[in-house]
Amino acid sequence: MKRDNPAIAARLLELGADPAARSDSGMVADPVSCQHWNTPVFFAIASAEQVSGCLAAGADIHARMVGYHRDFRRGSTPLHVASATTRDAAVIPVLLERVRT
């Protein structure tokens, strides 16, 4: 299965996939876990409330993508990724507010 596929992740959750399940590497499989901050899957599925929660928990608003992703350049910030993938328009103002502070 292809990595960072929001449509598949959303469908698996709709079908009852356990969001607390862990991968072989020990990461939480839940695509909106803060462990997946600044990934296309996270921002495609996360609500503004979930984004706010991750920021409150210490997610870095200035984080840069370090790995390869076909749709994003190395160094993309959460605002870059969210603006291209979010389905919740309220996510962008949440990120902008944090960038300003």
N, C-alpha and C. Protein backbone atom coordinates (compact mmCIF):
# COMPACT_ATOMS: atom_id res chain seq x y z
N MET A 1 0.84 -1.19 0.00
CA MET A 1 0.00 0.00 0.00
C MET A 1 0.88 1.24 0.00
N LYS A 2 0.48 2.20 -0.73
CA LYS A 2 1.19 3.47 -0.84
C LYS A 2 1.12 4.24 0.49
N ARG A 3 2.23 4.89 0.87
CA ARG A 3 2.26 5.70 2.08
C ARG A 3 1.55 7.03 1.86
N ASP A 4 1.11 7.65 2.95
CA ASP A 4 0.50 8.99 2.92
C ASP A 4 -0.66 9.09 1.96
N ASN A 5 -1.60 8.15 2.07
CA ASN A 5 -2.78 8.17 1.21
C ASN A 5 -4.00 8.47 2.08
N PRO A 6 -4.41 9.75 2.13
CA PRO A 6 -5.51 10.14 3.01
C PRO A 6 -6.83 9.43 2.71
N ALA A 7 -7.10 9.16 1.45
CA ALA A 7 -8.37 8.50 1.10
C ALA A 7 -8.42 7.10 1.69
N ILE A 8 -7.34 6.37 1.59
CA ILE A 8 -7.31 5.02 2.16
C ILE A 8 -7.40 5.08 3.68
N ALA A 9 -6.66 6.00 4.29
CA ALA A 9 -6.70 6.12 5.75
C ALA A 9 -8.11 6.45 6.24
N ALA A 10 -8.77 7.38 5.58
CA ALA A 10 -10.13 7.75 5.97
C ALA A 10 -11.09 6.57 5.81
N ARG A 11 -10.93 5.85 4.71
CA ARG A 11 -11.82 4.69 4.46
C ARG A 11 -11.60 3.60 5.49
N LEU A 12 -10.35 3.33 5.86
CA LEU A 12 -10.06 2.32 6.88
C LEU A 12 -10.71 2.70 8.22
N LEU A 13 -10.66 3.98 8.57
CA LEU A 13 -11.30 4.43 9.82
C LEU A 13 -12.81 4.26 9.73
N GLU A 14 -13.39 4.59 8.58
CA GLU A 14 -14.84 4.41 8.38
C GLU A 14 -15.24 2.95 8.55
N LEU A 15 -14.36 2.06 8.15
CA LEU A 15 -14.65 0.62 8.22
C LEU A 15 -14.34 0.02 9.59
N GLY A 16 -13.91 0.87 10.53
CA GLY A 16 -13.69 0.40 11.89
C GLY A 16 -12.27 0.05 12.25
N ALA A 17 -11.30 0.49 11.46
CA ALA A 17 -9.90 0.23 11.80
C ALA A 17 -9.59 0.83 13.18
N ASP A 18 -8.77 0.17 13.95
CA ASP A 18 -8.41 0.61 15.29
C ASP A 18 -7.38 1.74 15.20
N PRO A 19 -7.75 2.99 15.54
CA PRO A 19 -6.81 4.10 15.43
C PRO A 19 -5.70 4.04 16.49
N ALA A 20 -5.83 3.17 17.49
CA ALA A 20 -4.78 3.03 18.51
C ALA A 20 -3.79 1.94 18.14
N ALA A 21 -4.02 1.24 17.03
CA ALA A 21 -3.09 0.19 16.61
C ALA A 21 -1.73 0.80 16.33
N ARG A 22 -0.69 0.00 16.53
CA ARG A 22 0.68 0.48 16.29
C ARG A 22 1.31 -0.27 15.14
N SER A 23 2.15 0.43 14.42
CA SER A 23 2.87 -0.19 13.32
C SER A 23 4.01 -1.05 13.88
N ASP A 24 4.69 -1.76 13.02
CA ASP A 24 5.82 -2.58 13.45
C ASP A 24 6.92 -1.74 14.09
N SER A 25 7.00 -0.48 13.72
CA SER A 25 8.02 0.39 14.31
C SER A 25 7.55 1.05 15.60
N GLY A 26 6.31 0.75 16.03
CA GLY A 26 5.79 1.28 17.28
C GLY A 26 5.05 2.59 17.17
N MET A 27 4.91 3.12 15.98
CA MET A 27 4.17 4.38 15.81
C MET A 27 2.67 4.11 15.84
N VAL A 28 1.94 5.06 16.37
CA VAL A 28 0.48 4.96 16.39
C VAL A 28 -0.01 5.04 14.95
N ALA A 29 -0.90 4.12 14.60
CA ALA A 29 -1.40 4.06 13.22
C ALA A 29 -2.44 5.14 12.93
N ASP A 30 -3.01 5.76 13.94
CA ASP A 30 -4.01 6.80 13.77
C ASP A 30 -3.43 7.95 12.94
N PRO A 31 -3.98 8.23 11.78
CA PRO A 31 -3.41 9.27 10.92
C PRO A 31 -3.48 10.67 11.50
N VAL A 32 -4.34 10.91 12.49
CA VAL A 32 -4.38 12.24 13.09
C VAL A 32 -3.69 12.27 14.45
N SER A 33 -2.91 11.25 14.74
CA SER A 33 -2.05 11.30 15.91
C SER A 33 -1.02 12.40 15.68
N CYS A 34 -0.66 13.11 16.72
CA CYS A 34 0.33 14.18 16.59
C CYS A 34 1.68 13.64 16.13
N GLN A 35 1.90 12.33 16.23
CA GLN A 35 3.14 11.74 15.70
C GLN A 35 3.22 11.91 14.19
N HIS A 36 2.09 12.15 13.54
CA HIS A 36 2.06 12.31 12.08
C HIS A 36 1.98 13.77 11.66
N TRP A 37 2.30 14.67 12.59
CA TRP A 37 2.28 16.10 12.33
C TRP A 37 3.09 16.41 11.07
N ASN A 38 2.60 17.34 10.31
CA ASN A 38 3.25 17.83 9.09
C ASN A 38 3.38 16.77 8.01
N THR A 39 2.37 15.90 7.94
CA THR A 39 2.30 14.96 6.81
C THR A 39 1.01 15.22 6.06
N PRO A 40 0.97 14.89 4.79
CA PRO A 40 -0.26 15.09 4.03
C PRO A 40 -1.45 14.33 4.60
N VAL A 41 -1.23 13.13 5.09
CA VAL A 41 -2.34 12.35 5.66
C VAL A 41 -2.91 13.04 6.89
N PHE A 42 -2.03 13.51 7.77
CA PHE A 42 -2.50 14.20 8.98
C PHE A 42 -3.41 15.36 8.60
N PHE A 43 -2.93 16.25 7.75
CA PHE A 43 -3.71 17.45 7.43
C PHE A 43 -4.92 17.17 6.55
N ALA A 44 -4.92 16.09 5.81
CA ALA A 44 -6.09 15.75 5.00
C ALA A 44 -7.25 15.29 5.87
N ILE A 45 -6.95 14.77 7.05
CA ILE A 45 -7.99 14.19 7.90
C ILE A 45 -8.25 15.02 9.16
N ALA A 46 -7.23 15.69 9.67
CA ALA A 46 -7.35 16.41 10.95
C ALA A 46 -8.30 17.60 10.86
N SER A 47 -9.05 17.78 11.93
CA SER A 47 -9.92 18.95 12.07
C SER A 47 -9.11 20.08 12.70
N ALA A 48 -9.68 21.28 12.68
CA ALA A 48 -9.02 22.42 13.32
C ALA A 48 -8.80 22.13 14.81
N GLU A 49 -9.75 21.45 15.43
CA GLU A 49 -9.61 21.11 16.85
C GLU A 49 -8.43 20.16 17.07
N GLN A 50 -8.26 19.19 16.20
CA GLN A 50 -7.14 18.26 16.33
C GLN A 50 -5.81 18.97 16.08
N VAL A 51 -5.77 19.87 15.13
CA VAL A 51 -4.56 20.65 14.86
C VAL A 51 -4.23 21.51 16.07
N SER A 52 -5.24 22.16 16.64
CA SER A 52 -5.03 22.97 17.85
C SER A 52 -4.49 22.12 19.00
N GLY A 53 -5.03 20.92 19.13
CA GLY A 53 -4.57 20.02 20.18
C GLY A 53 -3.12 19.64 20.02
N CYS A 54 -2.70 19.35 18.80
CA CYS A 54 -1.30 19.01 18.55
C CYS A 54 -0.39 20.21 18.83
N LEU A 55 -0.83 21.40 18.42
CA LEU A 55 -0.04 22.59 18.71
C LEU A 55 0.08 22.81 20.22
N ALA A 56 -1.02 22.64 20.93
CA ALA A 56 -0.99 22.79 22.39
C ALA A 56 -0.08 21.76 23.05
N ALA A 57 0.03 20.59 22.41
CA ALA A 57 0.88 19.52 22.95
C ALA A 57 2.35 19.69 22.54
N GLY A 58 2.63 20.74 21.78
CA GLY A 58 4.03 21.02 21.44
C GLY A 58 4.44 20.78 20.00
N ALA A 59 3.49 20.52 19.11
CA ALA A 59 3.86 20.33 17.70
C ALA A 59 4.51 21.61 17.18
N ASP A 60 5.55 21.46 16.39
CA ASP A 60 6.34 22.59 15.90
C ASP A 60 5.68 23.21 14.67
N ILE A 61 5.23 24.45 14.81
CA ILE A 61 4.59 25.16 13.70
C ILE A 61 5.58 25.42 12.57
N HIS A 62 6.87 25.40 12.89
CA HIS A 62 7.91 25.66 11.89
C HIS A 62 8.60 24.37 11.43
N ALA A 63 8.00 23.22 11.74
CA ALA A 63 8.58 21.94 11.33
C ALA A 63 8.75 21.91 9.81
N ARG A 64 9.77 21.24 9.36
CA ARG A 64 10.03 21.10 7.92
C ARG A 64 9.97 19.64 7.54
N MET A 65 9.35 19.35 6.41
CA MET A 65 9.35 17.98 5.91
C MET A 65 10.78 17.61 5.54
N VAL A 66 11.22 16.45 6.01
CA VAL A 66 12.59 16.03 5.72
C VAL A 66 12.64 14.89 4.72
N GLY A 67 11.59 14.11 4.65
CA GLY A 67 11.57 12.97 3.74
C GLY A 67 11.01 13.36 2.38
N TYR A 68 11.00 12.41 1.51
CA TYR A 68 10.46 12.62 0.17
C TYR A 68 8.96 12.39 0.17
N HIS A 69 8.26 13.25 -0.50
CA HIS A 69 6.84 13.04 -0.79
C HIS A 69 6.60 13.60 -2.18
N ARG A 70 5.92 12.86 -3.01
CA ARG A 70 5.76 13.25 -4.41
C ARG A 70 5.10 14.60 -4.62
N ASP A 71 4.28 15.06 -3.67
CA ASP A 71 3.54 16.31 -3.85
C ASP A 71 4.15 17.51 -3.12
N PHE A 72 5.18 17.28 -2.33
CA PHE A 72 5.73 18.37 -1.52
C PHE A 72 7.25 18.36 -1.59
N ARG A 73 7.81 19.54 -1.56
CA ARG A 73 9.26 19.67 -1.54
C ARG A 73 9.78 19.46 -0.13
N ARG A 74 11.00 19.02 -0.05
CA ARG A 74 11.70 18.93 1.23
C ARG A 74 11.68 20.33 1.83
N GLY A 75 11.38 20.42 3.09
CA GLY A 75 11.33 21.72 3.76
C GLY A 75 9.95 22.34 3.83
N SER A 76 8.92 21.68 3.31
CA SER A 76 7.56 22.22 3.41
C SER A 76 7.15 22.31 4.87
N THR A 77 6.47 23.40 5.20
CA THR A 77 6.01 23.62 6.58
C THR A 77 4.58 23.09 6.75
N PRO A 78 4.11 23.04 8.00
CA PRO A 78 2.72 22.63 8.21
C PRO A 78 1.72 23.49 7.42
N LEU A 79 1.99 24.77 7.30
CA LEU A 79 1.08 25.64 6.55
C LEU A 79 1.07 25.26 5.06
N HIS A 80 2.23 24.96 4.50
CA HIS A 80 2.29 24.51 3.10
C HIS A 80 1.46 23.24 2.90
N VAL A 81 1.72 22.26 3.77
CA VAL A 81 1.06 20.96 3.63
C VAL A 81 -0.44 21.08 3.85
N ALA A 82 -0.82 21.79 4.91
CA ALA A 82 -2.25 21.94 5.21
C ALA A 82 -2.99 22.70 4.11
N SER A 83 -2.38 23.73 3.58
CA SER A 83 -3.08 24.52 2.55
C SER A 83 -3.36 23.69 1.30
N ALA A 84 -2.57 22.67 1.07
CA ALA A 84 -2.78 21.82 -0.11
C ALA A 84 -3.67 20.62 0.15
N THR A 85 -3.83 20.23 1.43
CA THR A 85 -4.51 18.95 1.68
C THR A 85 -5.72 19.01 2.61
N THR A 86 -5.86 20.05 3.41
CA THR A 86 -6.93 20.05 4.42
C THR A 86 -8.31 20.09 3.79
N ARG A 87 -9.24 19.42 4.47
CA ARG A 87 -10.66 19.50 4.08
C ARG A 87 -11.43 20.38 5.06
N ASP A 88 -10.75 20.85 6.10
CA ASP A 88 -11.37 21.71 7.11
C ASP A 88 -10.75 23.10 6.98
N ALA A 89 -11.49 24.01 6.38
CA ALA A 89 -10.98 25.37 6.13
C ALA A 89 -10.54 26.08 7.40
N ALA A 90 -11.06 25.68 8.55
CA ALA A 90 -10.69 26.31 9.82
C ALA A 90 -9.28 25.96 10.26
N VAL A 91 -8.65 24.97 9.63
CA VAL A 91 -7.28 24.59 9.98
C VAL A 91 -6.31 25.73 9.65
N ILE A 92 -6.50 26.38 8.52
CA ILE A 92 -5.56 27.41 8.06
C ILE A 92 -5.48 28.58 9.06
N PRO A 93 -6.60 29.16 9.51
CA PRO A 93 -6.51 30.22 10.51
C PRO A 93 -5.84 29.78 11.82
N VAL A 94 -6.04 28.53 12.20
CA VAL A 94 -5.39 28.01 13.42
C VAL A 94 -3.87 28.06 13.23
N LEU A 95 -3.40 27.62 12.08
CA LEU A 95 -1.96 27.63 11.82
C LEU A 95 -1.42 29.05 11.69
N LEU A 96 -2.16 29.91 10.98
CA LEU A 96 -1.71 31.29 10.82
C LEU A 96 -1.61 32.01 12.16
N GLU A 97 -2.57 31.77 13.02
CA GLU A 97 -2.53 32.41 14.35
C GLU A 97 -1.28 32.00 15.11
N ARG A 98 -0.92 30.72 15.03
CA ARG A 98 0.25 30.23 15.76
C ARG A 98 1.54 30.78 15.13
N VAL A 99 1.57 30.92 13.81
CA VAL A 99 2.76 31.46 13.15
C VAL A 99 3.01 32.89 13.61
N ARG A 100 1.94 33.63 13.83
CA ARG A 100 2.06 35.05 14.24
C ARG A 100 2.50 35.23 15.68
N THR A 101 2.37 34.20 16.51
CA THR A 101 2.71 34.37 17.93
C THR A 101 4.11 33.91 18.24
